[in-house]
Structure formats: structure tokens, C-alpha cells
Amino acid sequence: MSVSMDSYCIQCILRRNAELVGPLGSAEKATAFTRALMDLILRTPADAPSPALGPGISDLLHDMYGIPLDRFREEKEQSNRFVLERLPAIRARAENTGDPILASLQFAVLGNYLDFSALQGQVDFGKLDEMLDSALEMELDENAYRAFRRDLETGKRLLYLTDNAGEIGFDRILAEEIQKAYPHLAITFCVRGDVIVNDATREDARAVGLPFPVIDNGNRVGGTDLNQLSEDAQQALEDADVVLAKGMGNAETMLGCGYNVYYAFLIKCPRFIQRFEKPMLTPMFLRETGRA
């Protein structure tokens, strides 16, 4: 279950964080930080996915460098404003297609670009606007999409696992279109239990006006760690006929879980480039392994 860290993941984590703290103090302090990070990695189970390290890294940055736990607050607020300003136009574009759910899914996948942690220093709102202009040209797996629509038709409960702030606004549009097409379907959103990088929390759900019940996963892992879920999240997962999991973090922590999960994300790291043999920022929509 999940995508375990390999040697590349470990090298990437060490490199990215060493680069982050390098300008913030002496070389000796950076070395001490890197050694502490190595110790954190060694104390993490060998089969753990990389998001499992997120809370520990965040705490380490805070304790050694005073970096706020909510260090991406400004970026989160900017992301939420970005989508709110564009929400009416995006909704209109989706509704003017032959398949508003597919169109909304295409926009929602592009919303996964708003990842200030994975795309360290590379997120550009202007570039995202350009991507949104061509969103309806996006190619997604047709078999997975057909299965998704069948499951929405027959299911009673959809659990929507979110990823980033801002992106959750695009998720709102998709969920609203799903609700219109399948009014019998009860839709519940699940956000992170506390602040971790720029992932969506209850605060972000309120900021984008999410009109659905919202629960949280009860922890700070940037994904869905099945061993740390809150009671509400665990029950919602068990009860769901369909699960839509946004972002690489949810894919990393859930692939192989056996639940009826559909994963939607942009490829944003070499590990996934290798796994799926697709280039950087390729849109992905796939169903959990072993499902018919």
C-alpha cells in the first residue's frame, strides 16, 4: 500500500531542504539541520511514502530556523483569491460544453499546479492562466473516466479528498457539476487536519465557499495516511462508494489501498515521471489498481 520512498526520494528531500536553509544561516547550522533531517528519515519506516516526513520536516524547520509552520499562508490566500476571481468564468466554460463534469475535471486537475512545496519557487499564476485557457484540450484516460461516471451513477456517497489551497476552489466547481448531474449523491469533502505546507484546511474550504459538508483527516500528513485518519475520515472512507483523491500526496499515500479511488493530479516529480513514463506536469486520471 502506498508509494514507498526510494533512494531518489530521499536524495530529493535532503537536497530541497538543504537548499532552503542554506541562505538562512551558517554552513555549520545547515550541516546540523541536514544531519537532523537524515536522522528523521532513518527513524521513518522504510515502507513509508514521502508525505509521511512532512510534519517532521516542518517542525524541524520551525525549531532550528524559526520558519513558521504556516509559512505558505500568503501563497494560500493568493491561490484562493485567484480561483475565486475566475470561478464564474470557469464554471461558465464548463457548463457550455457537452460534458460539464469532464470539463470541470480538466480544470480541477490543472488546479493541482498550485503546489508551492512540490514546485518550489516555480509556481506562476500567469502560467496557470495560460494552462487554464487550454484546459478543455486536456487528454485524460477515457476508460477511467467512463468507470468514474458509472460509479457516480450507481453510488450513494462520494468522498472528495482535497490537496492544495486554491485548488480546492476548482474542486468546488467539479463537485457542483457532479451534484447537478447526480442529485442523489451525498458529497463530503476531506481536508488536512492542520497546517502543512500549502495544503487545504477547513479555513481554505470556507475561503472558497465550499457548499458541501467538510471533515478533516485528523493529522498533518500531506496525503491520506490510512493509519492516522480521524474517526470521521475513517468512517467516511469506509462508507464511500466512490473516492476522488486529488494530488500526488494522496496518490503516494493511497495507491494500492483497495478502496474505490480515482486519482487526479499533475505529475510533479521524477519518481512519478518514471512510474508512469510521462513528462513533468502531465495530467493524470486513474483508478485504483485492481478495480474492474
C-alpha atoms as a PDB file:
ATOM      1  CA  MET A   1       0.000   0.000   0.000  1.00  0.00           C
ATOM      2  CA  SER A   2       1.268   3.494  -0.912  1.00  0.00           C
ATOM      3  CA  VAL A   3       4.384   4.513  -2.854  1.00  0.00           C
ATOM      4  CA  SER A   4       7.341   3.907  -0.552  1.00  0.00           C
ATOM      5  CA  MET A   5      10.265   6.311  -0.551  1.00  0.00           C
ATOM      6  CA  ASP A   6      13.201   5.157  -2.628  1.00  0.00           C
ATOM      7  CA  SER A   7      16.771   6.454  -2.796  1.00  0.00           C
ATOM      8  CA  TYR A   8      15.766   9.204  -5.217  1.00  0.00           C
ATOM      9  CA  CYS A   9      13.016  10.453  -2.872  1.00  0.00           C
ATOM     10  CA  ILE A  10      15.480  10.607  -0.002  1.00  0.00           C
ATOM     11  CA  GLN A  11      18.059  12.472  -2.085  1.00  0.00           C
ATOM     12  CA  CYS A  12      15.392  14.901  -3.265  1.00  0.00           C
ATOM     13  CA  ILE A  13      14.163  15.604   0.272  1.00  0.00           C
ATOM     14  CA  LEU A  14      17.690  16.226   1.512  1.00  0.00           C
ATOM     15  CA  ARG A  15      18.648  18.423  -1.435  1.00  0.00           C
ATOM     16  CA  ARG A  16      15.494  20.557  -1.464  1.00  0.00           C
ATOM     17  CA  ASN A  17      15.597  21.277   2.249  1.00  0.00           C
ATOM     18  CA  ALA A  18      19.350  21.881   2.317  1.00  0.00           C
ATOM     19  CA  GLU A  19      18.848  24.440  -0.449  1.00  0.00           C
ATOM     20  CA  LEU A  20      16.036  26.038   1.533  1.00  0.00           C
ATOM     21  CA  VAL A  21      18.058  26.565   4.722  1.00  0.00           C
ATOM     22  CA  GLY A  22      21.422  27.283   3.086  1.00  0.00           C
ATOM     23  CA  PRO A  23      20.892  31.072   2.827  1.00  0.00           C
ATOM     24  CA  LEU A  24      19.338  31.297   6.304  1.00  0.00           C
ATOM     25  CA  GLY A  25      22.417  30.840   8.470  1.00  0.00           C
ATOM     26  CA  SER A  26      25.904  29.446   8.748  1.00  0.00           C
ATOM     27  CA  ALA A  27      27.222  26.418   6.930  1.00  0.00           C
ATOM     28  CA  GLU A  28      27.632  24.703  10.297  1.00  0.00           C
ATOM     29  CA  LYS A  29      23.970  25.221  11.126  1.00  0.00           C
ATOM     30  CA  ALA A  30      22.918  23.941   7.702  1.00  0.00           C
ATOM     31  CA  THR A  31      25.022  20.844   8.297  1.00  0.00           C
ATOM     32  CA  ALA A  32      23.405  20.304  11.695  1.00  0.00           C
ATOM     33  CA  PHE A  33      19.979  20.682  10.118  1.00  0.00           C
ATOM     34  CA  THR A  34      20.810  18.191   7.362  1.00  0.00           C
ATOM     35  CA  ARG A  35      22.055  15.663   9.919  1.00  0.00           C
ATOM     36  CA  ALA A  36      18.862  16.088  11.927  1.00  0.00           C
ATOM     37  CA  LEU A  37      16.856  15.579   8.744  1.00  0.00           C
ATOM     38  CA  MET A  38      18.847  12.429   7.964  1.00  0.00           C
ATOM     39  CA  ASP A  39      18.041  11.149  11.448  1.00  0.00           C
ATOM     40  CA  LEU A  40      14.337  11.857  10.864  1.00  0.00           C
ATOM     41  CA  ILE A  41      14.484   9.853   7.631  1.00  0.00           C
ATOM     42  CA  LEU A  42      16.249   6.949   9.350  1.00  0.00           C
ATOM     43  CA  ARG A  43      13.596   6.875  12.084  1.00  0.00           C
ATOM     44  CA  THR A  44      10.799   6.733   9.494  1.00  0.00           C
ATOM     45  CA  PRO A  45       9.604   3.234   8.496  1.00  0.00           C
ATOM     46  CA  ALA A  46      11.275   2.036   5.300  1.00  0.00           C
ATOM     47  CA  ASP A  47       7.929   1.474   3.577  1.00  0.00           C
ATOM     48  CA  ALA A  48       6.573   4.964   4.350  1.00  0.00           C
ATOM     49  CA  PRO A  49       5.678   7.347   1.498  1.00  0.00           C
ATOM     50  CA  SER A  50       7.461  10.695   1.359  1.00  0.00           C
ATOM     51  CA  PRO A  51       4.466  12.754   2.671  1.00  0.00           C
ATOM     52  CA  ALA A  52       4.918  10.947   5.999  1.00  0.00           C
ATOM     53  CA  LEU A  53       8.007  13.098   6.573  1.00  0.00           C
ATOM     54  CA  GLY A  54       6.151  16.376   6.052  1.00  0.00           C
ATOM     55  CA  PRO A  55       5.158  17.150   9.659  1.00  0.00           C
ATOM     56  CA  GLY A  56       8.609  16.286  10.994  1.00  0.00           C
ATOM     57  CA  ILE A  57      10.353  18.432   8.384  1.00  0.00           C
ATOM     58  CA  SER A  58       8.023  21.338   9.092  1.00  0.00           C
ATOM     59  CA  ASP A  59       8.733  21.054  12.829  1.00  0.00           C
ATOM     60  CA  LEU A  60      12.475  20.836  12.212  1.00  0.00           C
ATOM     61  CA  LEU A  61      12.462  23.986  10.061  1.00  0.00           C
ATOM     62  CA  HIS A  62      10.477  25.752  12.759  1.00  0.00           C
ATOM     63  CA  ASP A  63      12.638  24.620  15.672  1.00  0.00           C
ATOM     64  CA  MET A  64      16.024  25.265  14.044  1.00  0.00           C
ATOM     65  CA  TYR A  65      15.288  28.298  11.853  1.00  0.00           C
ATOM     66  CA  GLY A  66      12.090  29.798  13.217  1.00  0.00           C
ATOM     67  CA  ILE A  67      10.305  29.202   9.933  1.00  0.00           C
ATOM     68  CA  PRO A  68       6.548  29.479  10.629  1.00  0.00           C
ATOM     69  CA  LEU A  69       4.573  26.261  10.486  1.00  0.00           C
ATOM     70  CA  ASP A  70       2.169  28.190   8.258  1.00  0.00           C
ATOM     71  CA  ARG A  71       4.968  29.512   6.027  1.00  0.00           C
ATOM     72  CA  PHE A  72       2.824  29.417   2.887  1.00  0.00           C
ATOM     73  CA  ARG A  73      -0.092  31.397   4.347  1.00  0.00           C
ATOM     74  CA  GLU A  74       0.309  34.279   1.896  1.00  0.00           C
ATOM     75  CA  GLU A  75       0.548  31.911  -1.081  1.00  0.00           C
ATOM     76  CA  LYS A  76      -2.545  30.056   0.128  1.00  0.00           C
ATOM     77  CA  GLU A  77      -4.518  33.277   0.371  1.00  0.00           C
ATOM     78  CA  GLN A  78      -3.314  34.346  -3.088  1.00  0.00           C
ATOM     79  CA  SER A  79      -4.322  30.969  -4.511  1.00  0.00           C
ATOM     80  CA  ASN A  80      -7.802  31.132  -3.013  1.00  0.00           C
ATOM     81  CA  ARG A  81      -8.298  34.654  -4.383  1.00  0.00           C
ATOM     82  CA  PHE A  82      -7.013  33.548  -7.781  1.00  0.00           C
ATOM     83  CA  VAL A  83      -9.643  30.870  -8.197  1.00  0.00           C
ATOM     84  CA  LEU A  84     -12.478  32.910  -6.683  1.00  0.00           C
ATOM     85  CA  GLU A  85     -11.855  35.676  -9.214  1.00  0.00           C
ATOM     86  CA  ARG A  86     -12.006  33.156 -12.059  1.00  0.00           C
ATOM     87  CA  LEU A  87     -14.680  30.856 -10.687  1.00  0.00           C
ATOM     88  CA  PRO A  88     -17.662  32.339 -12.586  1.00  0.00           C
ATOM     89  CA  ALA A  89     -15.824  32.251 -15.922  1.00  0.00           C
ATOM     90  CA  ILE A  90     -14.525  28.716 -15.368  1.00  0.00           C
ATOM     91  CA  ARG A  91     -17.970  27.493 -14.354  1.00  0.00           C
ATOM     92  CA  ALA A  92     -19.485  29.089 -17.446  1.00  0.00           C
ATOM     93  CA  ARG A  93     -16.898  27.497 -19.730  1.00  0.00           C
ATOM     94  CA  ALA A  94     -17.563  24.080 -18.203  1.00  0.00           C
ATOM     95  CA  GLU A  95     -21.331  24.421 -18.475  1.00  0.00           C
ATOM     96  CA  ASN A  96     -21.082  25.422 -22.139  1.00  0.00           C
ATOM     97  CA  THR A  97     -19.502  22.109 -23.116  1.00  0.00           C
ATOM     98  CA  GLY A  98     -21.188  18.841 -23.972  1.00  0.00           C
ATOM     99  CA  ASP A  99     -19.865  17.280 -20.763  1.00  0.00           C
ATOM    100  CA  PRO A 100     -19.625  19.740 -17.851  1.00  0.00           C
ATOM    101  CA  ILE A 101     -18.286  17.063 -15.497  1.00  0.00           C
ATOM    102  CA  LEU A 102     -15.384  16.217 -17.792  1.00  0.00           C
ATOM    103  CA  ALA A 103     -14.656  19.903 -18.357  1.00  0.00           C
ATOM    104  CA  SER A 104     -14.747  20.610 -14.621  1.00  0.00           C
ATOM    105  CA  LEU A 105     -12.439  17.655 -14.027  1.00  0.00           C
ATOM    106  CA  GLN A 106      -9.988  19.088 -16.539  1.00  0.00           C
ATOM    107  CA  PHE A 107      -9.973  22.413 -14.688  1.00  0.00           C
ATOM    108  CA  ALA A 108      -9.686  20.648 -11.325  1.00  0.00           C
ATOM    109  CA  VAL A 109      -6.649  18.674 -12.465  1.00  0.00           C
ATOM    110  CA  LEU A 110      -4.948  21.888 -13.578  1.00  0.00           C
ATOM    111  CA  GLY A 111      -5.676  23.355 -10.156  1.00  0.00           C
ATOM    112  CA  ASN A 112      -3.186  20.818  -8.814  1.00  0.00           C
ATOM    113  CA  TYR A 113      -0.479  23.110 -10.232  1.00  0.00           C
ATOM    114  CA  LEU A 114      -0.927  25.342  -7.155  1.00  0.00           C
ATOM    115  CA  ASP A 115       1.646  23.375  -5.175  1.00  0.00           C
ATOM    116  CA  PHE A 116       4.231  25.698  -3.605  1.00  0.00           C
ATOM    117  CA  SER A 117       6.010  22.825  -1.906  1.00  0.00           C
ATOM    118  CA  ALA A 118       6.498  20.343  -4.752  1.00  0.00           C
ATOM    119  CA  LEU A 119       7.045  23.109  -7.327  1.00  0.00           C
ATOM    120  CA  GLN A 120       9.403  25.020  -5.063  1.00  0.00           C
ATOM    121  CA  GLY A 121       9.805  28.551  -6.437  1.00  0.00           C
ATOM    122  CA  GLN A 122       8.229  27.653  -9.778  1.00  0.00           C
ATOM    123  CA  VAL A 123       4.511  28.371  -9.336  1.00  0.00           C
ATOM    124  CA  ASP A 124       3.460  31.192 -11.649  1.00  0.00           C
ATOM    125  CA  PHE A 125      -0.132  32.442 -11.654  1.00  0.00           C
ATOM    126  CA  GLY A 126       0.326  33.790 -15.186  1.00  0.00           C
ATOM    127  CA  LYS A 127       1.403  30.370 -16.388  1.00  0.00           C
ATOM    128  CA  LEU A 128      -1.632  28.805 -14.725  1.00  0.00           C
ATOM    129  CA  ASP A 129      -3.878  31.263 -16.570  1.00  0.00           C
ATOM    130  CA  GLU A 130      -2.300  30.090 -19.822  1.00  0.00           C
ATOM    131  CA  MET A 131      -2.846  26.463 -18.818  1.00  0.00           C
ATOM    132  CA  LEU A 132      -6.489  27.173 -17.997  1.00  0.00           C
ATOM    133  CA  ASP A 133      -7.017  28.711 -21.428  1.00  0.00           C
ATOM    134  CA  SER A 134      -6.301  25.317 -23.000  1.00  0.00           C
ATOM    135  CA  ALA A 135      -7.810  23.167 -20.236  1.00  0.00           C
ATOM    136  CA  LEU A 136     -10.554  21.723 -22.436  1.00  0.00           C
ATOM    137  CA  GLU A 137      -7.906  20.234 -24.730  1.00  0.00           C
ATOM    138  CA  MET A 138      -6.604  18.050 -21.909  1.00  0.00           C
ATOM    139  CA  GLU A 139      -6.496  14.310 -22.587  1.00  0.00           C
ATOM    140  CA  LEU A 140      -7.488  12.038 -19.697  1.00  0.00           C
ATOM    141  CA  ASP A 141      -7.824   8.264 -19.556  1.00  0.00           C
ATOM    142  CA  GLU A 142     -11.169   7.511 -21.207  1.00  0.00           C
ATOM    143  CA  ASN A 143     -11.622   4.116 -19.551  1.00  0.00           C
ATOM    144  CA  ALA A 144     -11.059   5.572 -16.098  1.00  0.00           C
ATOM    145  CA  TYR A 145     -13.467   8.412 -16.827  1.00  0.00           C
ATOM    146  CA  ARG A 146     -16.203   6.067 -18.077  1.00  0.00           C
ATOM    147  CA  ALA A 147     -15.816   3.943 -14.949  1.00  0.00           C
ATOM    148  CA  PHE A 148     -15.962   7.103 -12.821  1.00  0.00           C
ATOM    149  CA  ARG A 149     -19.244   8.164 -14.400  1.00  0.00           C
ATOM    150  CA  ARG A 150     -20.715   4.680 -13.918  1.00  0.00           C
ATOM    151  CA  ASP A 151     -19.759   4.730 -10.259  1.00  0.00           C
ATOM    152  CA  LEU A 152     -21.241   8.191  -9.773  1.00  0.00           C
ATOM    153  CA  GLU A 153     -24.475   6.967 -11.354  1.00  0.00           C
ATOM    154  CA  THR A 154     -24.824   3.935  -9.083  1.00  0.00           C
ATOM    155  CA  GLY A 155     -23.108   5.176  -5.926  1.00  0.00           C
ATOM    156  CA  LYS A 156     -24.675   6.912  -2.955  1.00  0.00           C
ATOM    157  CA  ARG A 157     -21.667   8.586  -1.324  1.00  0.00           C
ATOM    158  CA  LEU A 158     -18.668  10.403  -2.822  1.00  0.00           C
ATOM    159  CA  LEU A 159     -15.703  11.282  -0.620  1.00  0.00           C
ATOM    160  CA  TYR A 160     -13.609  14.074  -2.127  1.00  0.00           C
ATOM    161  CA  LEU A 161     -10.038  14.134  -0.767  1.00  0.00           C
ATOM    162  CA  THR A 162      -8.509  17.553  -1.381  1.00  0.00           C
ATOM    163  CA  ASP A 163      -4.910  18.656  -1.827  1.00  0.00           C
ATOM    164  CA  ASN A 164      -3.870  22.310  -2.080  1.00  0.00           C
ATOM    165  CA  ALA A 165      -5.383  25.662  -1.166  1.00  0.00           C
ATOM    166  CA  GLY A 166      -6.691  27.399  -4.279  1.00  0.00           C
ATOM    167  CA  GLU A 167      -7.024  24.036  -5.966  1.00  0.00           C
ATOM    168  CA  ILE A 168      -9.940  23.378  -3.635  1.00  0.00           C
ATOM    169  CA  GLY A 169     -11.832  26.136  -5.462  1.00  0.00           C
ATOM    170  CA  PHE A 170     -11.534  24.199  -8.720  1.00  0.00           C
ATOM    171  CA  ASP A 171     -12.674  21.124  -6.789  1.00  0.00           C
ATOM    172  CA  ARG A 172     -15.771  23.044  -5.753  1.00  0.00           C
ATOM    173  CA  ILE A 173     -16.737  23.576  -9.402  1.00  0.00           C
ATOM    174  CA  LEU A 174     -16.297  19.876 -10.198  1.00  0.00           C
ATOM    175  CA  ALA A 175     -18.299  18.760  -7.164  1.00  0.00           C
ATOM    176  CA  GLU A 176     -21.113  21.185  -8.011  1.00  0.00           C
ATOM    177  CA  GLU A 177     -21.333  19.781 -11.544  1.00  0.00           C
ATOM    178  CA  ILE A 178     -21.353  16.230 -10.176  1.00  0.00           C
ATOM    179  CA  GLN A 179     -24.134  17.177  -7.760  1.00  0.00           C
ATOM    180  CA  LYS A 180     -26.218  18.656 -10.580  1.00  0.00           C
ATOM    181  CA  ALA A 181     -25.903  15.513 -12.671  1.00  0.00           C
ATOM    182  CA  TYR A 182     -26.346  13.112  -9.746  1.00  0.00           C
ATOM    183  CA  PRO A 183     -28.554  14.799  -7.120  1.00  0.00           C
ATOM    184  CA  HIS A 184     -28.909  11.507  -5.262  1.00  0.00           C
ATOM    185  CA  LEU A 185     -25.171  11.505  -4.457  1.00  0.00           C
ATOM    186  CA  ALA A 186     -24.052  12.689  -0.992  1.00  0.00           C
ATOM    187  CA  ILE A 187     -20.732  14.524  -1.381  1.00  0.00           C
ATOM    188  CA  THR A 188     -18.334  15.037   1.528  1.00  0.00           C
ATOM    189  CA  PHE A 189     -15.014  16.891   1.357  1.00  0.00           C
ATOM    190  CA  CYS A 190     -11.997  15.921   3.442  1.00  0.00           C
ATOM    191  CA  VAL A 191      -9.194  18.434   4.077  1.00  0.00           C
ATOM    192  CA  ARG A 192      -5.990  18.255   6.156  1.00  0.00           C
ATOM    193  CA  GLY A 193      -6.397  18.233   9.917  1.00  0.00           C
ATOM    194  CA  ASP A 194      -3.888  21.024  10.486  1.00  0.00           C
ATOM    195  CA  VAL A 195      -1.486  23.265   8.589  1.00  0.00           C
ATOM    196  CA  ILE A 196       1.091  21.517   6.410  1.00  0.00           C
ATOM    197  CA  VAL A 197       2.815  23.436   3.583  1.00  0.00           C
ATOM    198  CA  ASN A 198       0.092  24.947   1.350  1.00  0.00           C
ATOM    199  CA  ASP A 199      -2.411  22.106   1.651  1.00  0.00           C
ATOM    200  CA  ALA A 200      -6.083  22.947   2.094  1.00  0.00           C
ATOM    201  CA  THR A 201      -7.600  23.055   5.582  1.00  0.00           C
ATOM    202  CA  ARG A 202     -11.079  23.884   6.829  1.00  0.00           C
ATOM    203  CA  GLU A 203     -10.099  27.559   6.617  1.00  0.00           C
ATOM    204  CA  ASP A 204      -9.465  27.231   2.880  1.00  0.00           C
ATOM    205  CA  ALA A 205     -12.733  25.346   2.379  1.00  0.00           C
ATOM    206  CA  ARG A 206     -14.529  28.314   3.940  1.00  0.00           C
ATOM    207  CA  ALA A 207     -12.471  30.802   1.941  1.00  0.00           C
ATOM    208  CA  VAL A 208     -13.647  29.366  -1.404  1.00  0.00           C
ATOM    209  CA  GLY A 209     -17.249  28.980  -0.228  1.00  0.00           C
ATOM    210  CA  LEU A 210     -17.353  25.198  -0.413  1.00  0.00           C
ATOM    211  CA  PRO A 211     -21.083  24.320  -0.173  1.00  0.00           C
ATOM    212  CA  PHE A 212     -20.611  20.705   0.966  1.00  0.00           C
ATOM    213  CA  PRO A 213     -20.003  19.019   4.331  1.00  0.00           C
ATOM    214  CA  VAL A 214     -16.323  19.233   5.264  1.00  0.00           C
ATOM    215  CA  ILE A 215     -14.385  16.896   7.544  1.00  0.00           C
ATOM    216  CA  ASP A 216     -10.640  16.705   8.144  1.00  0.00           C
ATOM    217  CA  ASN A 217      -8.216  13.817   8.164  1.00  0.00           C
ATOM    218  CA  GLY A 218      -7.116  14.435  11.747  1.00  0.00           C
ATOM    219  CA  ASN A 219      -3.417  14.903  11.043  1.00  0.00           C
ATOM    220  CA  ARG A 220      -0.784  16.992   9.231  1.00  0.00           C
ATOM    221  CA  VAL A 221       0.369  14.469   6.659  1.00  0.00           C
ATOM    222  CA  GLY A 222       0.193  15.893   3.122  1.00  0.00           C
ATOM    223  CA  GLY A 223      -1.848  12.958   1.903  1.00  0.00           C
ATOM    224  CA  THR A 224      -4.189  10.300   3.278  1.00  0.00           C
ATOM    225  CA  ASP A 225      -2.303   8.122   5.752  1.00  0.00           C
ATOM    226  CA  LEU A 226      -4.761   5.333   6.480  1.00  0.00           C
ATOM    227  CA  ASN A 227      -3.121   4.684   9.859  1.00  0.00           C
ATOM    228  CA  GLN A 228      -3.614   8.238  11.123  1.00  0.00           C
ATOM    229  CA  LEU A 229      -7.112   9.126   9.960  1.00  0.00           C
ATOM    230  CA  SER A 230      -9.577  10.807  12.257  1.00  0.00           C
ATOM    231  CA  GLU A 231     -12.622   8.785  13.197  1.00  0.00           C
ATOM    232  CA  ASP A 232     -14.792  10.900  10.877  1.00  0.00           C
ATOM    233  CA  ALA A 233     -12.407  10.451   7.943  1.00  0.00           C
ATOM    234  CA  GLN A 234     -12.044   6.718   8.500  1.00  0.00           C
ATOM    235  CA  GLN A 235     -15.822   6.268   8.633  1.00  0.00           C
ATOM    236  CA  ALA A 236     -16.329   8.433   5.544  1.00  0.00           C
ATOM    237  CA  LEU A 237     -13.768   6.364   3.649  1.00  0.00           C
ATOM    238  CA  GLU A 238     -15.411   3.110   4.677  1.00  0.00           C
ATOM    239  CA  ASP A 239     -18.875   4.398   3.721  1.00  0.00           C
ATOM    240  CA  ALA A 240     -17.897   5.940   0.374  1.00  0.00           C
ATOM    241  CA  ASP A 241     -18.921   4.214  -2.835  1.00  0.00           C
ATOM    242  CA  VAL A 242     -16.575   6.492  -4.773  1.00  0.00           C
ATOM    243  CA  VAL A 243     -13.453   8.342  -3.627  1.00  0.00           C
ATOM    244  CA  LEU A 244     -11.891  11.140  -5.658  1.00  0.00           C
ATOM    245  CA  ALA A 245      -8.331  11.801  -4.460  1.00  0.00           C
ATOM    246  CA  LYS A 246      -6.661  14.966  -5.682  1.00  0.00           C
ATOM    247  CA  GLY A 247      -2.923  15.483  -5.869  1.00  0.00           C
ATOM    248  CA  MET A 248       0.255  13.427  -5.789  1.00  0.00           C
ATOM    249  CA  GLY A 249       0.306  13.327  -1.992  1.00  0.00           C
ATOM    250  CA  ASN A 250      -2.967  11.423  -1.888  1.00  0.00           C
ATOM    251  CA  ALA A 251      -1.742   9.124  -4.658  1.00  0.00           C
ATOM    252  CA  GLU A 252       1.566   8.490  -2.868  1.00  0.00           C
ATOM    253  CA  THR A 253      -0.185   7.559   0.363  1.00  0.00           C
ATOM    254  CA  MET A 254      -3.102   5.573  -1.106  1.00  0.00           C
ATOM    255  CA  LEU A 255      -2.068   3.736  -4.277  1.00  0.00           C
ATOM    256  CA  GLY A 256      -2.738   0.050  -3.659  1.00  0.00           C
ATOM    257  CA  CYS A 257      -5.199   0.697  -0.804  1.00  0.00           C
ATOM    258  CA  GLY A 258      -8.028  -1.293  -2.410  1.00  0.00           C
ATOM    259  CA  TYR A 259     -10.751   1.330  -1.942  1.00  0.00           C
ATOM    260  CA  ASN A 260     -12.674   2.536  -4.999  1.00  0.00           C
ATOM    261  CA  VAL A 261     -10.412   5.545  -5.543  1.00  0.00           C
ATOM    262  CA  TYR A 262      -9.952   7.740  -8.595  1.00  0.00           C
ATOM    263  CA  TYR A 263      -6.716   9.728  -8.559  1.00  0.00           C
ATOM    264  CA  ALA A 264      -6.453  13.104 -10.301  1.00  0.00           C
ATOM    265  CA  PHE A 265      -3.199  15.054 -10.333  1.00  0.00           C
ATOM    266  CA  LEU A 266      -0.364  16.584 -12.316  1.00  0.00           C
ATOM    267  CA  ILE A 267       2.946  14.745 -12.381  1.00  0.00           C
ATOM    268  CA  LYS A 268       5.369  16.905 -10.417  1.00  0.00           C
ATOM    269  CA  CYS A 269       8.384  14.769  -9.545  1.00  0.00           C
ATOM    270  CA  PRO A 270      10.859  12.448 -11.294  1.00  0.00           C
ATOM    271  CA  ARG A 271       9.604   9.464  -9.277  1.00  0.00           C
ATOM    272  CA  PHE A 272       6.180   9.771 -10.899  1.00  0.00           C
ATOM    273  CA  ILE A 273       7.736  10.582 -14.276  1.00  0.00           C
ATOM    274  CA  GLN A 274       9.481   7.227 -14.061  1.00  0.00           C
ATOM    275  CA  ARG A 275       6.483   5.341 -12.645  1.00  0.00           C
ATOM    276  CA  PHE A 276       4.019   6.485 -15.315  1.00  0.00           C
ATOM    277  CA  GLU A 277       6.521   7.185 -18.118  1.00  0.00           C
ATOM    278  CA  LYS A 278       5.018  10.634 -18.625  1.00  0.00           C
ATOM    279  CA  PRO A 279       6.699  14.072 -18.663  1.00  0.00           C
ATOM    280  CA  MET A 280       6.520  16.740 -15.973  1.00  0.00           C
ATOM    281  CA  LEU A 281       3.075  18.338 -15.433  1.00  0.00           C
ATOM    282  CA  THR A 282       1.262  15.608 -17.393  1.00  0.00           C
ATOM    283  CA  PRO A 283      -2.399  15.469 -16.276  1.00  0.00           C
ATOM    284  CA  MET A 284      -3.331  12.094 -14.790  1.00  0.00           C
ATOM    285  CA  PHE A 285      -6.665  10.465 -14.024  1.00  0.00           C
ATOM    286  CA  LEU A 286      -6.540   6.819 -12.993  1.00  0.00           C
ATOM    287  CA  ARG A 287      -8.464   4.279 -10.991  1.00  0.00           C
ATOM    288  CA  GLU A 288      -7.169   2.331  -8.032  1.00  0.00           C
ATOM    289  CA  THR A 289      -5.270  -0.801  -9.031  1.00  0.00           C
ATOM    290  CA  GLY A 290      -7.300  -3.999  -9.260  1.00  0.00           C
ATOM    291  CA  ARG A 291     -10.623  -2.320  -9.976  1.00  0.00           C
ATOM    292  CA  ALA A 292     -12.617  -3.541 -12.981  1.00  0.00           C
END
